Amino acid sequence: QVQLVESGGGLVQPGGSLILSCAASGFTFSTYSMKWYRQAPGKEREFVASVSSGGILVKKYADSVKGRFTVSRDNVKNTVYLQMKSLKPEDTAVYSCNAEMGQYSYWGQGTQVTVSS
């Protein structure tokens, strides 16, 4: 069974840092592009970051997080990470990971990140 399990969320002060993890199983992880999305209460789900599959990794970021967030993947551990720095209250959201290859697309349940003083 395909599974994507996010972890690492929690409460952090403005300016703080968190690292989110998404552990994958049940499919060939290395062949899938991996993406992070987030959704705040009352707002639309938005793209955060992505990392491509293959030998040459291409990383993309939303303008709102560029320079603060870093996405990476470990194809041995079948895990994708999102390193978040200089966190702002507006980063508060449920963060979900997505695995995609052609017509196949899988989602995790999400992990809550709350940035508050």
PDB file of N, CA and C in Angstrom:
ATOM      1  N   GLN A   1       0.839  -1.186   0.000  1.00  0.00           N
ATOM      2  CA  GLN A   1       0.000   0.000   0.000  1.00  0.00           C
ATOM      3  C   GLN A   1       0.884   1.249   0.000  1.00  0.00           C
ATOM      4  N   VAL A   2       0.528   2.200  -0.850  1.00  0.00           N
ATOM      5  CA  VAL A   2       1.262   3.450  -0.939  1.00  0.00           C
ATOM      6  C   VAL A   2       1.017   4.270   0.322  1.00  0.00           C
ATOM      7  N   GLN A   3       2.105   4.777   0.900  1.00  0.00           N
ATOM      8  CA  GLN A   3       2.002   5.624   2.079  1.00  0.00           C
ATOM      9  C   GLN A   3       2.975   6.789   2.001  1.00  0.00           C
ATOM     10  N   LEU A   4       2.501   7.959   2.394  1.00  0.00           N
ATOM     11  CA  LEU A   4       3.327   9.140   2.579  1.00  0.00           C
ATOM     12  C   LEU A   4       3.003   9.679   3.968  1.00  0.00           C
ATOM     13  N   VAL A   5       4.001   9.730   4.836  1.00  0.00           N
ATOM     14  CA  VAL A   5       3.781  10.126   6.217  1.00  0.00           C
ATOM     15  C   VAL A   5       4.665  11.311   6.559  1.00  0.00           C
ATOM     16  N   GLU A   6       4.037  12.471   6.776  1.00  0.00           N
ATOM     17  CA  GLU A   6       4.760  13.683   7.149  1.00  0.00           C
ATOM     18  C   GLU A   6       4.989  13.725   8.655  1.00  0.00           C
ATOM     19  N   SER A   7       6.090  14.348   9.048  1.00  0.00           N
ATOM     20  CA  SER A   7       6.390  14.547  10.457  1.00  0.00           C
ATOM     21  C   SER A   7       7.275  15.774  10.612  1.00  0.00           C
ATOM     22  N   GLY A   8       7.432  16.238  11.847  1.00  0.00           N
ATOM     23  CA  GLY A   8       8.314  17.353  12.138  1.00  0.00           C
ATOM     24  C   GLY A   8       7.626  18.674  12.393  1.00  0.00           C
ATOM     25  N   GLY A   9       6.323  18.718  12.213  1.00  0.00           N
ATOM     26  CA  GLY A   9       5.594  19.941  12.470  1.00  0.00           C
ATOM     27  C   GLY A   9       5.491  20.234  13.952  1.00  0.00           C
ATOM     28  N   GLY A  10       5.047  21.445  14.273  1.00  0.00           N
ATOM     29  CA  GLY A  10       4.902  21.841  15.651  1.00  0.00           C
ATOM     30  C   GLY A  10       4.784  23.335  15.793  1.00  0.00           C
ATOM     31  N   LEU A  11       4.927  23.799  17.031  1.00  0.00           N
ATOM     32  CA  LEU A  11       4.854  25.221  17.352  1.00  0.00           C
ATOM     33  C   LEU A  11       6.258  25.808  17.408  1.00  0.00           C
ATOM     34  N   VAL A  12       6.458  26.920  16.712  1.00  0.00           N
ATOM     35  CA  VAL A  12       7.759  27.575  16.686  1.00  0.00           C
ATOM     36  C   VAL A  12       7.563  29.088  16.734  1.00  0.00           C
ATOM     37  N   GLN A  13       8.522  29.796  17.337  1.00  0.00           N
ATOM     38  CA  GLN A  13       8.457  31.246  17.418  1.00  0.00           C
ATOM     39  C   GLN A  13       8.843  31.884  16.087  1.00  0.00           C
ATOM     40  N   PRO A  14       8.325  33.086  15.801  1.00  0.00           N
ATOM     41  CA  PRO A  14       8.772  33.793  14.597  1.00  0.00           C
ATOM     42  C   PRO A  14      10.293  33.910  14.561  1.00  0.00           C
ATOM     43  N   GLY A  15      10.859  33.663  13.385  1.00  0.00           N
ATOM     44  CA  GLY A  15      12.298  33.670  13.226  1.00  0.00           C
ATOM     45  C   GLY A  15      12.949  32.328  13.464  1.00  0.00           C
ATOM     46  N   GLY A  16      12.186  31.372  13.950  1.00  0.00           N
ATOM     47  CA  GLY A  16      12.708  30.052  14.235  1.00  0.00           C
ATOM     48  C   GLY A  16      12.779  29.156  13.014  1.00  0.00           C
ATOM     49  N   SER A  17      13.172  27.901  13.255  1.00  0.00           N
ATOM     50  CA  SER A  17      13.378  26.935  12.183  1.00  0.00           C
ATOM     51  C   SER A  17      12.716  25.604  12.495  1.00  0.00           C
ATOM     52  N   LEU A  18      12.338  24.893  11.446  1.00  0.00           N
ATOM     53  CA  LEU A  18      11.813  23.541  11.542  1.00  0.00           C
ATOM     54  C   LEU A  18      12.252  22.754  10.319  1.00  0.00           C
ATOM     55  N   ILE A  19      12.377  21.441  10.480  1.00  0.00           N
ATOM     56  CA  ILE A  19      12.616  20.555   9.349  1.00  0.00           C
ATOM     57  C   ILE A  19      11.480  19.544   9.283  1.00  0.00           C
ATOM     58  N   LEU A  20      10.772  19.541   8.166  1.00  0.00           N
ATOM     59  CA  LEU A  20       9.709  18.579   7.940  1.00  0.00           C
ATOM     60  C   LEU A  20      10.250  17.387   7.156  1.00  0.00           C
ATOM     61  N   SER A  21       9.705  16.203   7.446  1.00  0.00           N
ATOM     62  CA  SER A  21      10.068  14.992   6.729  1.00  0.00           C
ATOM     63  C   SER A  21       8.823  14.345   6.153  1.00  0.00           C
ATOM     64  N   CYS A  22       8.986  13.678   5.028  1.00  0.00           N
ATOM     65  CA  CYS A  22       7.911  12.896   4.431  1.00  0.00           C
ATOM     66  C   CYS A  22       8.485  11.549   4.032  1.00  0.00           C
ATOM     67  N   ALA A  23       8.101  10.508   4.759  1.00  0.00           N
ATOM     68  CA  ALA A  23       8.596   9.156   4.515  1.00  0.00           C
ATOM     69  C   ALA A  23       7.654   8.422   3.574  1.00  0.00           C
ATOM     70  N   ALA A  24       8.209   7.860   2.499  1.00  0.00           N
ATOM     71  CA  ALA A  24       7.414   7.210   1.466  1.00  0.00           C
ATOM     72  C   ALA A  24       7.628   5.704   1.469  1.00  0.00           C
ATOM     73  N   SER A  25       6.580   4.968   1.105  1.00  0.00           N
ATOM     74  CA  SER A  25       6.669   3.523   0.953  1.00  0.00           C
ATOM     75  C   SER A  25       5.585   3.036   0.004  1.00  0.00           C
ATOM     76  N   GLY A  26       5.783   1.845  -0.579  1.00  0.00           N
ATOM     77  CA  GLY A  26       4.784   1.248  -1.443  1.00  0.00           C
ATOM     78  C   GLY A  26       4.893   1.609  -2.914  1.00  0.00           C
ATOM     79  N   PHE A  27       5.923   2.352  -3.288  1.00  0.00           N
ATOM     80  CA  PHE A  27       6.161   2.703  -4.686  1.00  0.00           C
ATOM     81  C   PHE A  27       7.634   3.013  -4.874  1.00  0.00           C
ATOM     82  N   THR A  28       8.057   3.132  -6.137  1.00  0.00           N
ATOM     83  CA  THR A  28       9.463   3.383  -6.432  1.00  0.00           C
ATOM     84  C   THR A  28       9.749   4.868  -6.274  1.00  0.00           C
ATOM     85  N   PHE A  29      10.147   5.235  -5.077  1.00  0.00           N
ATOM     86  CA  PHE A  29      10.301   6.634  -4.680  1.00  0.00           C
ATOM     87  C   PHE A  29      11.192   7.429  -5.629  1.00  0.00           C
ATOM     88  N   SER A  30      12.314   6.845  -6.049  1.00  0.00           N
ATOM     89  CA  SER A  30      13.306   7.586  -6.826  1.00  0.00           C
ATOM     90  C   SER A  30      12.793   8.051  -8.188  1.00  0.00           C
ATOM     91  N   THR A  31      11.742   7.442  -8.702  1.00  0.00           N
ATOM     92  CA  THR A  31      11.200   7.796 -10.010  1.00  0.00           C
ATOM     93  C   THR A  31      10.111   8.867  -9.942  1.00  0.00           C
ATOM     94  N   TYR A  32       9.753   9.295  -8.746  1.00  0.00           N
ATOM     95  CA  TYR A  32       8.697  10.280  -8.554  1.00  0.00           C
ATOM     96  C   TYR A  32       9.269  11.651  -8.221  1.00  0.00           C
ATOM     97  N   SER A  33       8.701  12.686  -8.821  1.00  0.00           N
ATOM     98  CA  SER A  33       8.989  14.025  -8.357  1.00  0.00           C
ATOM     99  C   SER A  33       8.241  14.238  -7.045  1.00  0.00           C
ATOM    100  N   MET A  34       8.830  15.020  -6.151  1.00  0.00           N
ATOM    101  CA  MET A  34       8.248  15.235  -4.834  1.00  0.00           C
ATOM    102  C   MET A  34       7.986  16.719  -4.623  1.00  0.00           C
ATOM    103  N   LYS A  35       6.801  17.028  -4.088  1.00  0.00           N
ATOM    104  CA  LYS A  35       6.390  18.406  -3.887  1.00  0.00           C
ATOM    105  C   LYS A  35       5.832  18.612  -2.487  1.00  0.00           C
ATOM    106  N   TRP A  36       6.000  19.821  -1.989  1.00  0.00           N
ATOM    107  CA  TRP A  36       5.387  20.243  -0.741  1.00  0.00           C
ATOM    108  C   TRP A  36       4.337  21.306  -1.035  1.00  0.00           C
ATOM    109  N   TYR A  37       3.179  21.160  -0.413  1.00  0.00           N
ATOM    110  CA  TYR A  37       2.108  22.142  -0.471  1.00  0.00           C
ATOM    111  C   TYR A  37       1.728  22.536   0.953  1.00  0.00           C
ATOM    112  N   ARG A  38       1.037  23.658   1.084  1.00  0.00           N
ATOM    113  CA  ARG A  38       0.526  24.053   2.387  1.00  0.00           C
ATOM    114  C   ARG A  38      -0.845  24.697   2.240  1.00  0.00           C
ATOM    115  N   GLN A  39      -1.627  24.611   3.299  1.00  0.00           N
ATOM    116  CA  GLN A  39      -2.944  25.219   3.319  1.00  0.00           C
ATOM    117  C   GLN A  39      -3.218  25.809   4.697  1.00  0.00           C
ATOM    118  N   ALA A  40      -3.448  27.120   4.726  1.00  0.00           N
ATOM    119  CA  ALA A  40      -3.781  27.824   5.949  1.00  0.00           C
ATOM    120  C   ALA A  40      -5.299  27.880   6.096  1.00  0.00           C
ATOM    121  N   PRO A  41      -5.798  28.040   7.332  1.00  0.00           N
ATOM    122  CA  PRO A  41      -7.246  28.121   7.541  1.00  0.00           C
ATOM    123  C   PRO A  41      -7.884  29.217   6.700  1.00  0.00           C
ATOM    124  N   GLY A  42      -8.947  28.870   5.978  1.00  0.00           N
ATOM    125  CA  GLY A  42      -9.660  29.830   5.159  1.00  0.00           C
ATOM    126  C   GLY A  42      -8.962  30.230   3.878  1.00  0.00           C
ATOM    127  N   LYS A  43      -7.864  29.569   3.560  1.00  0.00           N
ATOM    128  CA  LYS A  43      -7.114  29.909   2.363  1.00  0.00           C
ATOM    129  C   LYS A  43      -6.977  28.718   1.427  1.00  0.00           C
ATOM    130  N   GLU A  44      -6.633  28.997   0.189  1.00  0.00           N
ATOM    131  CA  GLU A  44      -6.439  27.987  -0.832  1.00  0.00           C
ATOM    132  C   GLU A  44      -5.125  27.245  -0.603  1.00  0.00           C
ATOM    133  N   ARG A  45      -5.082  25.976  -0.985  1.00  0.00           N
ATOM    134  CA  ARG A  45      -3.832  25.241  -0.950  1.00  0.00           C
ATOM    135  C   ARG A  45      -2.846  25.860  -1.936  1.00  0.00           C
ATOM    136  N   GLU A  46      -1.601  26.018  -1.511  1.00  0.00           N
ATOM    137  CA  GLU A  46      -0.607  26.624  -2.373  1.00  0.00           C
ATOM    138  C   GLU A  46       0.662  25.787  -2.464  1.00  0.00           C
ATOM    139  N   PHE A  47       1.298  25.874  -3.607  1.00  0.00           N
ATOM    140  CA  PHE A  47       2.568  25.214  -3.840  1.00  0.00           C
ATOM    141  C   PHE A  47       3.653  25.868  -3.002  1.00  0.00           C
ATOM    142  N   VAL A  48       4.536  25.049  -2.432  1.00  0.00           N
ATOM    143  CA  VAL A  48       5.637  25.555  -1.615  1.00  0.00           C
ATOM    144  C   VAL A  48       6.985  25.280  -2.277  1.00  0.00           C
ATOM    145  N   ALA A  49       7.253  24.002  -2.577  1.00  0.00           N
ATOM    146  CA  ALA A  49       8.554  23.624  -3.126  1.00  0.00           C
ATOM    147  C   ALA A  49       8.465  22.267  -3.794  1.00  0.00           C
ATOM    148  N   SER A  50       9.405  21.981  -4.690  1.00  0.00           N
ATOM    149  CA  SER A  50       9.450  20.687  -5.351  1.00  0.00           C
ATOM    150  C   SER A  50      10.879  20.306  -5.671  1.00  0.00           C
ATOM    151  N   VAL A  51      11.102  19.003  -5.813  1.00  0.00           N
ATOM    152  CA  VAL A  51      12.386  18.480  -6.266  1.00  0.00           C
ATOM    153  C   VAL A  51      12.097  17.360  -7.259  1.00  0.00           C
ATOM    154  N   SER A  52      12.768  17.389  -8.393  1.00  0.00           N
ATOM    155  CA  SER A  52      12.514  16.437  -9.457  1.00  0.00           C
ATOM    156  C   SER A  52      13.119  15.072  -9.152  1.00  0.00           C
ATOM    157  N   SER A  53      12.727  14.072  -9.935  1.00  0.00           N
ATOM    158  CA  SER A  53      13.348  12.760  -9.904  1.00  0.00           C
ATOM    159  C   SER A  53      14.524  12.737 -10.873  1.00  0.00           C
ATOM    160  N   GLY A  54      15.243  11.607 -10.922  1.00  0.00           N
ATOM    161  CA  GLY A  54      16.333  11.474 -11.868  1.00  0.00           C
ATOM    162  C   GLY A  54      17.675  11.872 -11.299  1.00  0.00           C
ATOM    163  N   GLY A  55      18.692  11.729 -12.138  1.00  0.00           N
ATOM    164  CA  GLY A  55      20.049  12.012 -11.709  1.00  0.00           C
ATOM    165  C   GLY A  55      20.348  13.487 -11.518  1.00  0.00           C
ATOM    166  N   ILE A  56      19.720  14.326 -12.314  1.00  0.00           N
ATOM    167  CA  ILE A  56      19.878  15.774 -12.179  1.00  0.00           C
ATOM    168  C   ILE A  56      18.652  16.316 -11.459  1.00  0.00           C
ATOM    169  N   LEU A  57      18.851  16.800 -10.251  1.00  0.00           N
ATOM    170  CA  LEU A  57      17.746  17.271  -9.437  1.00  0.00           C
ATOM    171  C   LEU A  57      17.487  18.748  -9.686  1.00  0.00           C
ATOM    172  N   VAL A  58      16.231  19.052 -10.011  1.00  0.00           N
ATOM    173  CA  VAL A  58      15.802  20.426 -10.218  1.00  0.00           C
ATOM    174  C   VAL A  58      14.879  20.813  -9.074  1.00  0.00           C
ATOM    175  N   LYS A  59      15.197  21.911  -8.407  1.00  0.00           N
ATOM    176  CA  LYS A  59      14.409  22.380  -7.280  1.00  0.00           C
ATOM    177  C   LYS A  59      13.696  23.677  -7.627  1.00  0.00           C
ATOM    178  N   LYS A  60      12.448  23.781  -7.198  1.00  0.00           N
ATOM    179  CA  LYS A  60      11.651  24.978  -7.427  1.00  0.00           C
ATOM    180  C   LYS A  60      10.996  25.420  -6.128  1.00  0.00           C
ATOM    181  N   TYR A  61      10.779  26.737  -5.999  1.00  0.00           N
ATOM    182  CA  TYR A  61      10.203  27.296  -4.791  1.00  0.00           C
ATOM    183  C   TYR A  61       9.190  28.371  -5.124  1.00  0.00           C
ATOM    184  N   ALA A  62       8.176  28.479  -4.291  1.00  0.00           N
ATOM    185  CA  ALA A  62       7.270  29.608  -4.374  1.00  0.00           C
ATOM    186  C   ALA A  62       8.024  30.874  -3.985  1.00  0.00           C
ATOM    187  N   ASP A  63       7.649  31.998  -4.587  1.00  0.00           N
ATOM    188  CA  ASP A  63       8.314  33.260  -4.285  1.00  0.00           C
ATOM    189  C   ASP A  63       8.255  33.609  -2.799  1.00  0.00           C
ATOM    190  N   SER A  64       7.177  33.218  -2.137  1.00  0.00           N
ATOM    191  CA  SER A  64       6.978  33.563  -0.745  1.00  0.00           C
ATOM    192  C   SER A  64       7.954  32.872   0.201  1.00  0.00           C
ATOM    193  N   VAL A  65       8.571  31.775  -0.241  1.00  0.00           N
ATOM    194  CA  VAL A  65       9.481  31.024   0.625  1.00  0.00           C
ATOM    195  C   VAL A  65      10.906  30.981   0.097  1.00  0.00           C
ATOM    196  N   LYS A  66      11.127  31.477  -1.097  1.00  0.00           N
ATOM    197  CA  LYS A  66      12.451  31.436  -1.715  1.00  0.00           C
ATOM    198  C   LYS A  66      13.476  32.156  -0.840  1.00  0.00           C
ATOM    199  N   GLY A  67      14.604  31.498  -0.605  1.00  0.00           N
ATOM    200  CA  GLY A  67      15.645  32.054   0.239  1.00  0.00           C
ATOM    201  C   GLY A  67      15.520  31.666   1.695  1.00  0.00           C
ATOM    202  N   ARG A  68      14.361  31.149   2.094  1.00  0.00           N
ATOM    203  CA  ARG A  68      14.134  30.734   3.479  1.00  0.00           C
ATOM    204  C   ARG A  68      13.964  29.226   3.620  1.00  0.00           C
ATOM    205  N   PHE A  69      13.359  28.589   2.612  1.00  0.00           N
ATOM    206  CA  PHE A  69      13.090  27.154   2.650  1.00  0.00           C
ATOM    207  C   PHE A  69      14.025  26.414   1.695  1.00  0.00           C
ATOM    208  N   THR A  70      14.373  25.174   2.052  1.00  0.00           N
ATOM    209  CA  THR A  70      15.188  24.318   1.205  1.00  0.00           C
ATOM    210  C   THR A  70      14.572  22.925   1.143  1.00  0.00           C
ATOM    211  N   VAL A  71      14.347  22.430  -0.070  1.00  0.00           N
ATOM    212  CA  VAL A  71      13.807  21.084  -0.254  1.00  0.00           C
ATOM    213  C   VAL A  71      14.942  20.141  -0.654  1.00  0.00           C
ATOM    214  N   SER A  72      14.890  18.907  -0.168  1.00  0.00           N
ATOM    215  CA  SER A  72      15.887  17.912  -0.516  1.00  0.00           C
ATOM    216  C   SER A  72      15.259  16.522  -0.464  1.00  0.00           C
ATOM    217  N   ARG A  73      15.946  15.548  -1.048  1.00  0.00           N
ATOM    218  CA  ARG A  73      15.440  14.178  -1.006  1.00  0.00           C
ATOM    219  C   ARG A  73      16.572  13.202  -0.779  1.00  0.00           C
ATOM    220  N   ASP A  74      16.237  12.076  -0.156  1.00  0.00           N
ATOM    221  CA  ASP A  74      17.177  10.992   0.095  1.00  0.00           C
ATOM    222  C   ASP A  74      16.542   9.732  -0.471  1.00  0.00           C
ATOM    223  N   ASN A  75      17.045   9.266  -1.608  1.00  0.00           N
ATOM    224  CA  ASN A  75      16.451   8.114  -2.283  1.00  0.00           C
ATOM    225  C   ASN A  75      16.815   6.781  -1.633  1.00  0.00           C
ATOM    226  N   VAL A  76      17.762   6.799  -0.696  1.00  0.00           N
ATOM    227  CA  VAL A  76      18.071   5.600   0.074  1.00  0.00           C
ATOM    228  C   VAL A  76      17.068   5.441   1.208  1.00  0.00           C
ATOM    229  N   LYS A  77      16.762   6.546   1.872  1.00  0.00           N
ATOM    230  CA  LYS A  77      15.790   6.545   2.961  1.00  0.00           C
ATOM    231  C   LYS A  77      14.354   6.717   2.480  1.00  0.00           C
ATOM    232  N   ASN A  78      14.166   6.952   1.174  1.00  0.00           N
ATOM    233  CA  ASN A  78      12.831   7.195   0.615  1.00  0.00           C
ATOM    234  C   ASN A  78      12.114   8.323   1.356  1.00  0.00           C
ATOM    235  N   THR A  79      12.827   9.413   1.539  1.00  0.00           N
ATOM    236  CA  THR A  79      12.314  10.532   2.316  1.00  0.00           C
ATOM    237  C   THR A  79      12.614  11.854   1.618  1.00  0.00           C
ATOM    238  N   VAL A  80      11.640  12.753   1.639  1.00  0.00           N
ATOM    239  CA  VAL A  80      11.839  14.116   1.177  1.00  0.00           C
ATOM    240  C   VAL A  80      11.744  15.041   2.383  1.00  0.00           C
ATOM    241  N   TYR A  81      12.559  16.108   2.389  1.00  0.00           N
ATOM    242  CA  TYR A  81      12.634  17.028   3.514  1.00  0.00           C
ATOM    243  C   TYR A  81      12.293  18.443   3.075  1.00  0.00           C
ATOM    244  N   LEU A  82      11.827  19.228   4.022  1.00  0.00           N
ATOM    245  CA  LEU A  82      11.646  20.655   3.816  1.00  0.00           C
ATOM    246  C   LEU A  82      12.253  21.374   5.008  1.00  0.00           C
ATOM    247  N   GLN A  83      13.395  22.013   4.794  1.00  0.00           N
ATOM    248  CA  GLN A  83      14.053  22.799   5.820  1.00  0.00           C
ATOM    249  C   GLN A  83      13.515  24.221   5.772  1.00  0.00           C
ATOM    250  N   MET A  84      12.972  24.690   6.888  1.00  0.00           N
ATOM    251  CA  MET A  84      12.338  25.991   6.953  1.00  0.00           C
ATOM    252  C   MET A  84      13.074  26.872   7.959  1.00  0.00           C
ATOM    253  N   LYS A  85      13.497  28.041   7.510  1.00  0.00           N
ATOM    254  CA  LYS A  85      14.193  29.004   8.349  1.00  0.00           C
ATOM    255  C   LYS A  85      13.491  30.350   8.321  1.00  0.00           C
ATOM    256  N   SER A  86      13.823  31.190   9.294  1.00  0.00           N
ATOM    257  CA  SER A  86      13.246  32.540   9.383  1.00  0.00           C
ATOM    258  C   SER A  86      11.731  32.506   9.253  1.00  0.00           C
ATOM    259  N   LEU A  87      11.118  31.631  10.005  1.00  0.00           N
ATOM    260  CA  LEU A  87       9.679  31.409   9.893  1.00  0.00           C
ATOM    261  C   LEU A  87       8.883  32.631  10.325  1.00  0.00           C
ATOM    262  N   LYS A  88       7.788  32.854   9.617  1.00  0.00           N
ATOM    263  CA  LYS A  88       6.896  33.977   9.856  1.00  0.00           C
ATOM    264  C   LYS A  88       5.510  33.464  10.232  1.00  0.00           C
ATOM    265  N   PRO A  89       4.718  34.266  10.945  1.00  0.00           N
ATOM    266  CA  PRO A  89       3.351  33.838  11.273  1.00  0.00           C
ATOM    267  C   PRO A  89       2.551  33.422  10.042  1.00  0.00           C
ATOM    268  N   GLU A  90       2.773  34.058   8.911  1.00  0.00           N
ATOM    269  CA  GLU A  90       2.057  33.714   7.693  1.00  0.00           C
ATOM    270  C   GLU A  90       2.460  32.364   7.100  1.00  0.00           C
ATOM    271  N   ASP A  91       3.491  31.731   7.652  1.00  0.00           N
ATOM    272  CA  ASP A  91       3.857  30.372   7.252  1.00  0.00           C
ATOM    273  C   ASP A  91       2.999  29.321   7.949  1.00  0.00           C
ATOM    274  N   THR A  92       2.188  29.736   8.905  1.00  0.00           N
ATOM    275  CA  THR A  92       1.322  28.812   9.625  1.00  0.00           C
ATOM    276  C   THR A  92       0.359  28.122   8.668  1.00  0.00           C
ATOM    277  N   ALA A  93       0.370  26.790   8.663  1.00  0.00           N
ATOM    278  CA  ALA A  93      -0.454  26.014   7.737  1.00  0.00           C
ATOM    279  C   ALA A  93      -0.258  24.531   7.997  1.00  0.00           C
ATOM    280  N   VAL A  94      -1.101  23.729   7.362  1.00  0.00           N
ATOM    281  CA  VAL A  94      -0.872  22.292   7.288  1.00  0.00           C
ATOM    282  C   VAL A  94      -0.029  22.031   6.054  1.00  0.00           C
ATOM    283  N   TYR A  95       1.111  21.391   6.246  1.00  0.00           N
ATOM    284  CA  TYR A  95       2.030  21.100   5.156  1.00  0.00           C
ATOM    285  C   TYR A  95       1.889  19.646   4.731  1.00  0.00           C
ATOM    286  N   SER A  96       1.687  19.414   3.426  1.00  0.00           N
ATOM    287  CA  SER A  96       1.491  18.079   2.887  1.00  0.00           C
ATOM    288  C   SER A  96       2.498  17.797   1.789  1.00  0.00           C
ATOM    289  N   CYS A  97       2.918  16.542   1.682  1.00  0.00           N
ATOM    290  CA  CYS A  97       3.809  16.176   0.591  1.00  0.00           C
ATOM    291  C   CYS A  97       3.049  15.402  -0.474  1.00  0.00           C
ATOM    292  N   ASN A  98       3.526  15.514  -1.702  1.00  0.00           N
ATOM    293  CA  ASN A  98       2.893  14.923  -2.867  1.00  0.00           C
ATOM    294  C   ASN A  98       3.945  14.228  -3.717  1.00  0.00           C
ATOM    295  N   ALA A  99       3.659  12.997  -4.134  1.00  0.00           N
ATOM    296  CA  ALA A  99       4.527  12.236  -5.031  1.00  0.00           C
ATOM    297  C   ALA A  99       3.843  12.114  -6.379  1.00  0.00           C
ATOM    298  N   GLU A 100       4.571  12.403  -7.449  1.00  0.00           N
ATOM    299  CA  GLU A 100       3.963  12.424  -8.776  1.00  0.00           C
ATOM    300  C   GLU A 100       4.867  11.799  -9.828  1.00  0.00           C
ATOM    301  N   MET A 101       4.275  10.934 -10.656  1.00  0.00           N
ATOM    302  CA  MET A 101       4.948  10.387 -11.826  1.00  0.00           C
ATOM    303  C   MET A 101       3.890  10.100 -12.875  1.00  0.00           C
ATOM    304  N   GLY A 102       3.912  10.842 -13.972  1.00  0.00           N
ATOM    305  CA  GLY A 102       2.913  10.675 -15.013  1.00  0.00           C
ATOM    306  C   GLY A 102       1.516  10.828 -14.455  1.00  0.00           C
ATOM    307  N   GLN A 103       0.690   9.817 -14.665  1.00  0.00           N
ATOM    308  CA  GLN A 103      -0.690   9.852 -14.193  1.00  0.00           C
ATOM    309  C   GLN A 103      -0.830   9.534 -12.713  1.00  0.00           C
ATOM    310  N   TYR A 104       0.251   9.110 -12.067  1.00  0.00           N
ATOM    311  CA  TYR A 104       0.189   8.711 -10.677  1.00  0.00           C
ATOM    312  C   TYR A 104       0.500   9.884  -9.757  1.00  0.00           C
ATOM    313  N   SER A 105      -0.335  10.058  -8.737  1.00  0.00           N
ATOM    314  CA  SER A 105      -0.167  11.129  -7.780  1.00  0.00           C
ATOM    315  C   SER A 105      -0.659  10.670  -6.417  1.00  0.00           C
ATOM    316  N   TYR A 106       0.204  10.796  -5.406  1.00  0.00           N
ATOM    317  CA  TYR A 106      -0.134  10.374  -4.054  1.00  0.00           C
ATOM    318  C   TYR A 106       0.083  11.515  -3.078  1.00  0.00           C
ATOM    319  N   TRP A 107      -0.728  11.522  -2.008  1.00  0.00           N
ATOM    320  CA  TRP A 107      -0.685  12.585  -0.999  1.00  0.00           C
ATOM    321  C   TRP A 107      -0.569  12.019   0.404  1.00  0.00           C
ATOM    322  N   GLY A 108       0.148  12.734   1.252  1.00  0.00           N
ATOM    323  CA  GLY A 108       0.173  12.423   2.665  1.00  0.00           C
ATOM    324  C   GLY A 108      -0.948  13.135   3.394  1.00  0.00           C
ATOM    325  N   GLN A 109      -1.065  12.888   4.690  1.00  0.00           N
ATOM    326  CA  GLN A 109      -2.127  13.473   5.498  1.00  0.00           C
ATOM    327  C   GLN A 109      -1.808  14.882   5.986  1.00  0.00           C
ATOM    328  N   GLY A 110      -0.549  15.240   5.998  1.00  0.00           N
ATOM    329  CA  GLY A 110      -0.152  16.578   6.384  1.00  0.00           C
ATOM    330  C   GLY A 110       0.325  16.671   7.823  1.00  0.00           C
ATOM    331  N   THR A 111       1.110  17.711   8.093  1.00  0.00           N
ATOM    332  CA  THR A 111       1.586  18.002   9.437  1.00  0.00           C
ATOM    333  C   THR A 111       1.421  19.498   9.710  1.00  0.00           C
ATOM    334  N   GLN A 112       0.970  19.826  10.914  1.00  0.00           N
ATOM    335  CA  GLN A 112       0.661  21.203  11.270  1.00  0.00           C
ATOM    336  C   GLN A 112       1.915  21.967  11.671  1.00  0.00           C
ATOM    337  N   VAL A 113       2.096  23.139  11.075  1.00  0.00           N
ATOM    338  CA  VAL A 113       3.148  24.071  11.469  1.00  0.00           C
ATOM    339  C   VAL A 113       2.488  25.355  11.957  1.00  0.00           C
ATOM    340  N   THR A 114       2.794  25.740  13.185  1.00  0.00           N
ATOM    341  CA  THR A 114       2.247  26.960  13.756  1.00  0.00           C
ATOM    342  C   THR A 114       3.387  27.876  14.171  1.00  0.00           C
ATOM    343  N   VAL A 115       3.406  29.084  13.609  1.00  0.00           N
ATOM    344  CA  VAL A 115       4.432  30.077  13.918  1.00  0.00           C
ATOM    345  C   VAL A 115       3.770  31.192  14.713  1.00  0.00           C
ATOM    346  N   SER A 116       4.100  31.273  15.985  1.00  0.00           N
ATOM    347  CA  SER A 116       3.440  32.223  16.869  1.00  0.00           C
ATOM    348  C   SER A 116       4.316  32.542  18.067  1.00  0.00           C
ATOM    349  N   SER A 117       4.210  33.778  18.541  1.00  0.00           N
ATOM    350  CA  SER A 117       4.898  34.185  19.751  1.00  0.00           C
ATOM    351  C   SER A 117       4.003  34.066  20.978  1.00  0.00           C
TER     352      SER A 117
END
